[in-house]
Amino acid sequence: MATLTINHVHCLETTDGSGADDLYINIDGNRVFGVQQIDSDEDPDVNVSRNFATKTKVSLWEYDSVSADDLIGSFFAHSSQAGEGEHAQALTGDGSRYDVYYTVTS
């Protein structure tokens, strides 16, 4: 069993361009963070951990109250990454850019 820890995210550009995103994070389809307003150049701590077997899917979303939520991007963390230190994953989607910083431990 491995453990994924999402340490923090860095917003480089919001989906709205001039306004904050209403960001939330799912791991394997379950919300683990947010909804939190995040603007460009903000770097909030997330500090969420989840156990998984071989791989787990992380997805960043932008909440929309009047239409469907916008997928910013997704990636898989793998148990084989355990012990490699902190990883950074760039996600771009719906006009936004985020970096997600995470670690995998065994």
N, C-alpha and C. Protein backbone atom coordinates (compact mmCIF):
# COMPACT_ATOMS: atom_id res chain seq x y z
N MET A 1 0.85 -1.19 0.00
CA MET A 1 0.00 0.00 0.00
C MET A 1 0.89 1.24 0.00
N ALA A 2 0.61 2.18 -0.87
CA ALA A 2 1.33 3.45 -0.97
C ALA A 2 0.43 4.58 -0.46
N THR A 3 1.05 5.71 -0.16
CA THR A 3 0.31 6.88 0.28
C THR A 3 0.67 8.06 -0.60
N LEU A 4 -0.34 8.69 -1.17
CA LEU A 4 -0.19 9.92 -1.94
C LEU A 4 -0.48 11.10 -1.01
N THR A 5 0.42 12.07 -1.00
CA THR A 5 0.17 13.32 -0.28
C THR A 5 0.27 14.47 -1.27
N ILE A 6 -0.83 15.20 -1.42
CA ILE A 6 -0.79 16.42 -2.22
C ILE A 6 -0.36 17.53 -1.28
N ASN A 7 0.83 18.07 -1.52
CA ASN A 7 1.41 19.05 -0.63
C ASN A 7 0.82 20.45 -0.84
N HIS A 8 0.86 20.91 -2.07
CA HIS A 8 0.30 22.23 -2.39
C HIS A 8 0.11 22.36 -3.89
N VAL A 9 -0.61 23.38 -4.29
CA VAL A 9 -0.80 23.71 -5.70
C VAL A 9 -0.34 25.15 -5.92
N HIS A 10 0.09 25.41 -7.13
CA HIS A 10 0.48 26.78 -7.50
C HIS A 10 -0.32 27.18 -8.73
N CYS A 11 -1.09 28.25 -8.60
CA CYS A 11 -1.88 28.75 -9.73
C CYS A 11 -1.04 29.72 -10.54
N LEU A 12 -0.78 29.39 -11.78
CA LEU A 12 -0.05 30.27 -12.68
C LEU A 12 -1.01 31.17 -13.46
N GLU A 13 -2.19 30.63 -13.77
CA GLU A 13 -3.20 31.40 -14.50
C GLU A 13 -4.57 30.79 -14.23
N THR A 14 -5.54 31.63 -13.91
CA THR A 14 -6.89 31.14 -13.61
C THR A 14 -7.68 30.89 -14.89
N THR A 15 -8.77 30.14 -14.76
CA THR A 15 -9.61 29.85 -15.92
C THR A 15 -10.33 31.10 -16.40
N ASP A 16 -10.65 31.99 -15.48
CA ASP A 16 -11.36 33.21 -15.84
C ASP A 16 -10.43 34.30 -16.36
N GLY A 17 -9.14 34.12 -16.16
CA GLY A 17 -8.19 35.12 -16.62
C GLY A 17 -8.04 36.27 -15.65
N SER A 18 -9.13 36.95 -15.32
CA SER A 18 -9.04 38.13 -14.46
C SER A 18 -9.63 37.90 -13.08
N GLY A 19 -10.20 36.74 -12.83
CA GLY A 19 -10.81 36.48 -11.53
C GLY A 19 -10.31 35.19 -10.93
N ALA A 20 -10.60 34.99 -9.66
CA ALA A 20 -10.17 33.79 -8.96
C ALA A 20 -10.94 32.57 -9.43
N ASP A 21 -10.29 31.41 -9.36
CA ASP A 21 -10.94 30.13 -9.61
C ASP A 21 -11.55 29.63 -8.31
N ASP A 22 -12.62 28.87 -8.43
CA ASP A 22 -13.18 28.13 -7.30
C ASP A 22 -12.70 26.69 -7.45
N LEU A 23 -11.51 26.43 -6.92
CA LEU A 23 -10.80 25.18 -7.15
C LEU A 23 -11.23 24.09 -6.17
N TYR A 24 -11.37 22.88 -6.69
CA TYR A 24 -11.44 21.71 -5.83
C TYR A 24 -10.64 20.58 -6.45
N ILE A 25 -10.25 19.62 -5.59
CA ILE A 25 -9.40 18.50 -6.01
C ILE A 25 -10.10 17.20 -5.66
N ASN A 26 -10.12 16.29 -6.63
CA ASN A 26 -10.63 14.93 -6.41
C ASN A 26 -9.48 13.94 -6.50
N ILE A 27 -9.56 12.91 -5.66
CA ILE A 27 -8.69 11.74 -5.80
C ILE A 27 -9.61 10.55 -6.03
N ASP A 28 -9.42 9.90 -7.17
CA ASP A 28 -10.28 8.78 -7.57
C ASP A 28 -11.75 9.14 -7.48
N GLY A 29 -12.10 10.35 -7.90
CA GLY A 29 -13.49 10.77 -7.97
C GLY A 29 -14.07 11.30 -6.67
N ASN A 30 -13.31 11.29 -5.59
CA ASN A 30 -13.80 11.78 -4.29
C ASN A 30 -13.15 13.11 -3.95
N ARG A 31 -13.96 14.09 -3.61
CA ARG A 31 -13.43 15.42 -3.29
C ARG A 31 -12.62 15.35 -2.00
N VAL A 32 -11.39 15.90 -2.05
CA VAL A 32 -10.50 15.90 -0.89
C VAL A 32 -10.06 17.31 -0.49
N PHE A 33 -10.37 18.30 -1.36
CA PHE A 33 -9.95 19.68 -1.09
C PHE A 33 -10.89 20.62 -1.81
N GLY A 34 -11.26 21.71 -1.12
CA GLY A 34 -12.03 22.77 -1.74
C GLY A 34 -13.52 22.54 -1.60
N VAL A 35 -14.20 23.45 -2.04
CA VAL A 35 -13.98 24.52 -3.00
C VAL A 35 -13.28 25.68 -2.27
N GLN A 36 -12.18 26.16 -2.88
CA GLN A 36 -11.43 27.29 -2.34
C GLN A 36 -11.10 28.25 -3.46
N GLN A 37 -11.30 29.54 -3.20
CA GLN A 37 -10.95 30.54 -4.21
C GLN A 37 -9.43 30.69 -4.27
N ILE A 38 -8.91 30.59 -5.49
CA ILE A 38 -7.48 30.70 -5.72
C ILE A 38 -7.27 31.61 -6.92
N ASP A 39 -6.37 32.56 -6.75
CA ASP A 39 -6.07 33.52 -7.82
C ASP A 39 -4.67 33.25 -8.36
N SER A 40 -4.33 33.88 -9.46
CA SER A 40 -3.01 33.73 -10.06
C SER A 40 -1.92 34.06 -9.05
N ASP A 41 -0.84 33.28 -9.11
CA ASP A 41 0.33 33.40 -8.24
C ASP A 41 0.06 33.04 -6.78
N GLU A 42 -1.07 32.42 -6.49
CA GLU A 42 -1.31 31.91 -5.15
C GLU A 42 -0.83 30.46 -5.07
N ASP A 43 -0.44 30.05 -3.88
CA ASP A 43 0.21 28.76 -3.66
C ASP A 43 -0.29 28.13 -2.36
N PRO A 44 -1.59 27.77 -2.31
CA PRO A 44 -2.13 27.26 -1.05
C PRO A 44 -1.64 25.85 -0.71
N ASP A 45 -1.44 25.62 0.59
CA ASP A 45 -1.15 24.28 1.07
C ASP A 45 -2.41 23.44 0.97
N VAL A 46 -2.24 22.19 0.59
CA VAL A 46 -3.35 21.25 0.52
C VAL A 46 -3.22 20.22 1.64
N ASN A 47 -2.06 19.58 1.73
CA ASN A 47 -1.74 18.62 2.78
C ASN A 47 -2.83 17.57 2.99
N VAL A 48 -3.17 16.88 1.90
CA VAL A 48 -4.16 15.81 1.93
C VAL A 48 -3.47 14.52 1.54
N SER A 49 -3.70 13.45 2.33
CA SER A 49 -3.09 12.15 2.05
C SER A 49 -4.16 11.09 1.85
N ARG A 50 -3.89 10.16 0.93
CA ARG A 50 -4.79 9.04 0.68
C ARG A 50 -3.94 7.81 0.36
N ASN A 51 -4.36 6.66 0.87
CA ASN A 51 -3.70 5.39 0.56
C ASN A 51 -4.23 4.85 -0.76
N PHE A 52 -3.37 4.14 -1.47
CA PHE A 52 -3.79 3.51 -2.72
C PHE A 52 -2.90 2.31 -3.00
N ALA A 53 -3.33 1.45 -3.91
CA ALA A 53 -2.59 0.22 -4.21
C ALA A 53 -1.51 0.46 -5.27
N THR A 54 -1.89 0.55 -6.53
CA THR A 54 -0.92 0.65 -7.62
C THR A 54 -0.87 2.04 -8.24
N LYS A 55 -2.04 2.62 -8.52
CA LYS A 55 -2.10 3.97 -9.07
C LYS A 55 -3.37 4.65 -8.58
N THR A 56 -3.35 5.98 -8.59
CA THR A 56 -4.51 6.75 -8.16
C THR A 56 -4.61 8.00 -9.04
N LYS A 57 -5.82 8.42 -9.32
CA LYS A 57 -6.06 9.54 -10.23
C LYS A 57 -6.38 10.81 -9.44
N VAL A 58 -5.64 11.87 -9.76
CA VAL A 58 -5.84 13.20 -9.16
C VAL A 58 -6.40 14.12 -10.23
N SER A 59 -7.49 14.82 -9.90
CA SER A 59 -8.13 15.74 -10.86
C SER A 59 -8.36 17.09 -10.19
N LEU A 60 -8.03 18.15 -10.91
CA LEU A 60 -8.33 19.51 -10.48
C LEU A 60 -9.52 20.02 -11.27
N TRP A 61 -10.45 20.65 -10.55
CA TRP A 61 -11.68 21.16 -11.15
C TRP A 61 -11.91 22.60 -10.75
N GLU A 62 -12.62 23.33 -11.60
CA GLU A 62 -13.07 24.68 -11.30
C GLU A 62 -14.58 24.63 -11.18
N TYR A 63 -15.08 24.94 -10.00
CA TYR A 63 -16.52 24.89 -9.72
C TYR A 63 -17.25 26.02 -10.45
N ASP A 64 -18.36 25.69 -11.08
CA ASP A 64 -19.24 26.67 -11.72
C ASP A 64 -20.64 26.49 -11.17
N SER A 65 -21.24 27.57 -10.69
CA SER A 65 -22.57 27.48 -10.10
C SER A 65 -23.68 27.47 -11.14
N VAL A 66 -23.43 27.99 -12.34
CA VAL A 66 -24.49 28.11 -13.35
C VAL A 66 -24.33 27.15 -14.53
N SER A 67 -23.21 26.42 -14.57
CA SER A 67 -22.99 25.45 -15.65
C SER A 67 -22.16 24.30 -15.10
N ALA A 68 -21.82 23.37 -15.98
CA ALA A 68 -21.01 22.22 -15.56
C ALA A 68 -19.62 22.68 -15.10
N ASP A 69 -19.09 22.01 -14.09
CA ASP A 69 -17.75 22.33 -13.61
C ASP A 69 -16.72 22.07 -14.71
N ASP A 70 -15.62 22.83 -14.67
CA ASP A 70 -14.59 22.73 -15.70
C ASP A 70 -13.42 21.90 -15.20
N LEU A 71 -13.06 20.88 -15.97
CA LEU A 71 -11.89 20.07 -15.65
C LEU A 71 -10.64 20.84 -16.05
N ILE A 72 -9.78 21.09 -15.08
CA ILE A 72 -8.50 21.74 -15.35
C ILE A 72 -7.50 20.71 -15.86
N GLY A 73 -7.50 19.53 -15.26
CA GLY A 73 -6.62 18.46 -15.70
C GLY A 73 -6.53 17.35 -14.69
N SER A 74 -5.97 16.23 -15.13
CA SER A 74 -5.82 15.04 -14.29
C SER A 74 -4.46 14.41 -14.53
N PHE A 75 -4.02 13.63 -13.55
CA PHE A 75 -2.81 12.83 -13.70
C PHE A 75 -2.91 11.63 -12.77
N PHE A 76 -2.08 10.63 -13.03
CA PHE A 76 -2.01 9.45 -12.18
C PHE A 76 -0.72 9.48 -11.37
N ALA A 77 -0.83 9.22 -10.08
CA ALA A 77 0.33 8.96 -9.24
C ALA A 77 0.46 7.45 -9.12
N HIS A 78 1.70 6.95 -9.12
CA HIS A 78 1.96 5.52 -9.11
C HIS A 78 2.75 5.11 -7.87
N SER A 79 2.47 3.92 -7.38
CA SER A 79 3.20 3.42 -6.20
C SER A 79 4.70 3.31 -6.47
N SER A 80 5.09 3.15 -7.72
CA SER A 80 6.51 3.06 -8.08
C SER A 80 7.25 4.39 -7.83
N GLN A 81 6.51 5.50 -7.60
CA GLN A 81 7.13 6.80 -7.33
C GLN A 81 7.52 6.95 -5.85
N ALA A 82 7.20 5.96 -5.03
CA ALA A 82 7.50 6.04 -3.60
C ALA A 82 8.99 6.23 -3.37
N GLY A 83 9.30 7.15 -2.47
CA GLY A 83 10.69 7.41 -2.10
C GLY A 83 11.46 8.31 -3.04
N GLU A 84 10.83 8.84 -4.06
CA GLU A 84 11.52 9.69 -5.03
C GLU A 84 11.48 11.17 -4.67
N GLY A 85 10.89 11.53 -3.54
CA GLY A 85 10.79 12.93 -3.15
C GLY A 85 9.57 13.59 -3.77
N GLU A 86 9.58 14.91 -3.75
CA GLU A 86 8.42 15.65 -4.24
C GLU A 86 8.41 15.70 -5.77
N HIS A 87 7.23 15.48 -6.31
CA HIS A 87 7.01 15.56 -7.75
C HIS A 87 6.19 16.81 -8.05
N ALA A 88 6.35 17.35 -9.26
CA ALA A 88 5.53 18.46 -9.73
C ALA A 88 4.85 18.03 -11.02
N GLN A 89 3.55 18.28 -11.09
CA GLN A 89 2.77 17.93 -12.28
C GLN A 89 2.09 19.19 -12.79
N ALA A 90 2.37 19.57 -14.03
CA ALA A 90 1.74 20.73 -14.65
C ALA A 90 0.40 20.30 -15.25
N LEU A 91 -0.64 21.07 -14.96
CA LEU A 91 -1.96 20.82 -15.53
C LEU A 91 -2.46 22.09 -16.21
N THR A 92 -2.96 21.92 -17.42
CA THR A 92 -3.53 23.05 -18.16
C THR A 92 -4.87 22.62 -18.72
N GLY A 93 -5.84 23.47 -18.59
CA GLY A 93 -7.15 23.17 -19.14
C GLY A 93 -8.09 24.32 -18.90
N ASP A 94 -8.99 24.53 -19.81
CA ASP A 94 -9.99 25.58 -19.73
C ASP A 94 -9.34 26.95 -19.52
N GLY A 95 -8.17 27.15 -20.11
CA GLY A 95 -7.49 28.43 -20.05
C GLY A 95 -6.64 28.65 -18.81
N SER A 96 -6.60 27.67 -17.92
CA SER A 96 -5.83 27.83 -16.68
C SER A 96 -4.54 27.02 -16.72
N ARG A 97 -3.64 27.36 -15.78
CA ARG A 97 -2.38 26.63 -15.61
C ARG A 97 -2.09 26.48 -14.12
N TYR A 98 -1.91 25.24 -13.70
CA TYR A 98 -1.60 24.92 -12.31
C TYR A 98 -0.43 23.95 -12.25
N ASP A 99 0.36 24.04 -11.19
CA ASP A 99 1.34 23.03 -10.86
C ASP A 99 0.88 22.38 -9.55
N VAL A 100 0.90 21.05 -9.53
CA VAL A 100 0.51 20.29 -8.34
C VAL A 100 1.77 19.61 -7.80
N TYR A 101 2.05 19.80 -6.52
CA TYR A 101 3.23 19.24 -5.88
C TYR A 101 2.79 18.13 -4.93
N TYR A 102 3.38 16.93 -5.12
CA TYR A 102 2.93 15.78 -4.34
C TYR A 102 4.10 14.83 -4.07
N THR A 103 3.92 13.99 -3.07
CA THR A 103 4.86 12.93 -2.75
C THR A 103 4.12 11.61 -2.64
N VAL A 104 4.85 10.53 -2.89
CA VAL A 104 4.34 9.17 -2.72
C VAL A 104 5.28 8.45 -1.78
N THR A 105 4.71 7.85 -0.76
CA THR A 105 5.49 7.07 0.20
C THR A 105 4.93 5.66 0.28
N SER A 106 5.75 4.74 0.77
CA SER A 106 5.26 3.35 0.89
C SER A 106 5.02 3.00 2.34
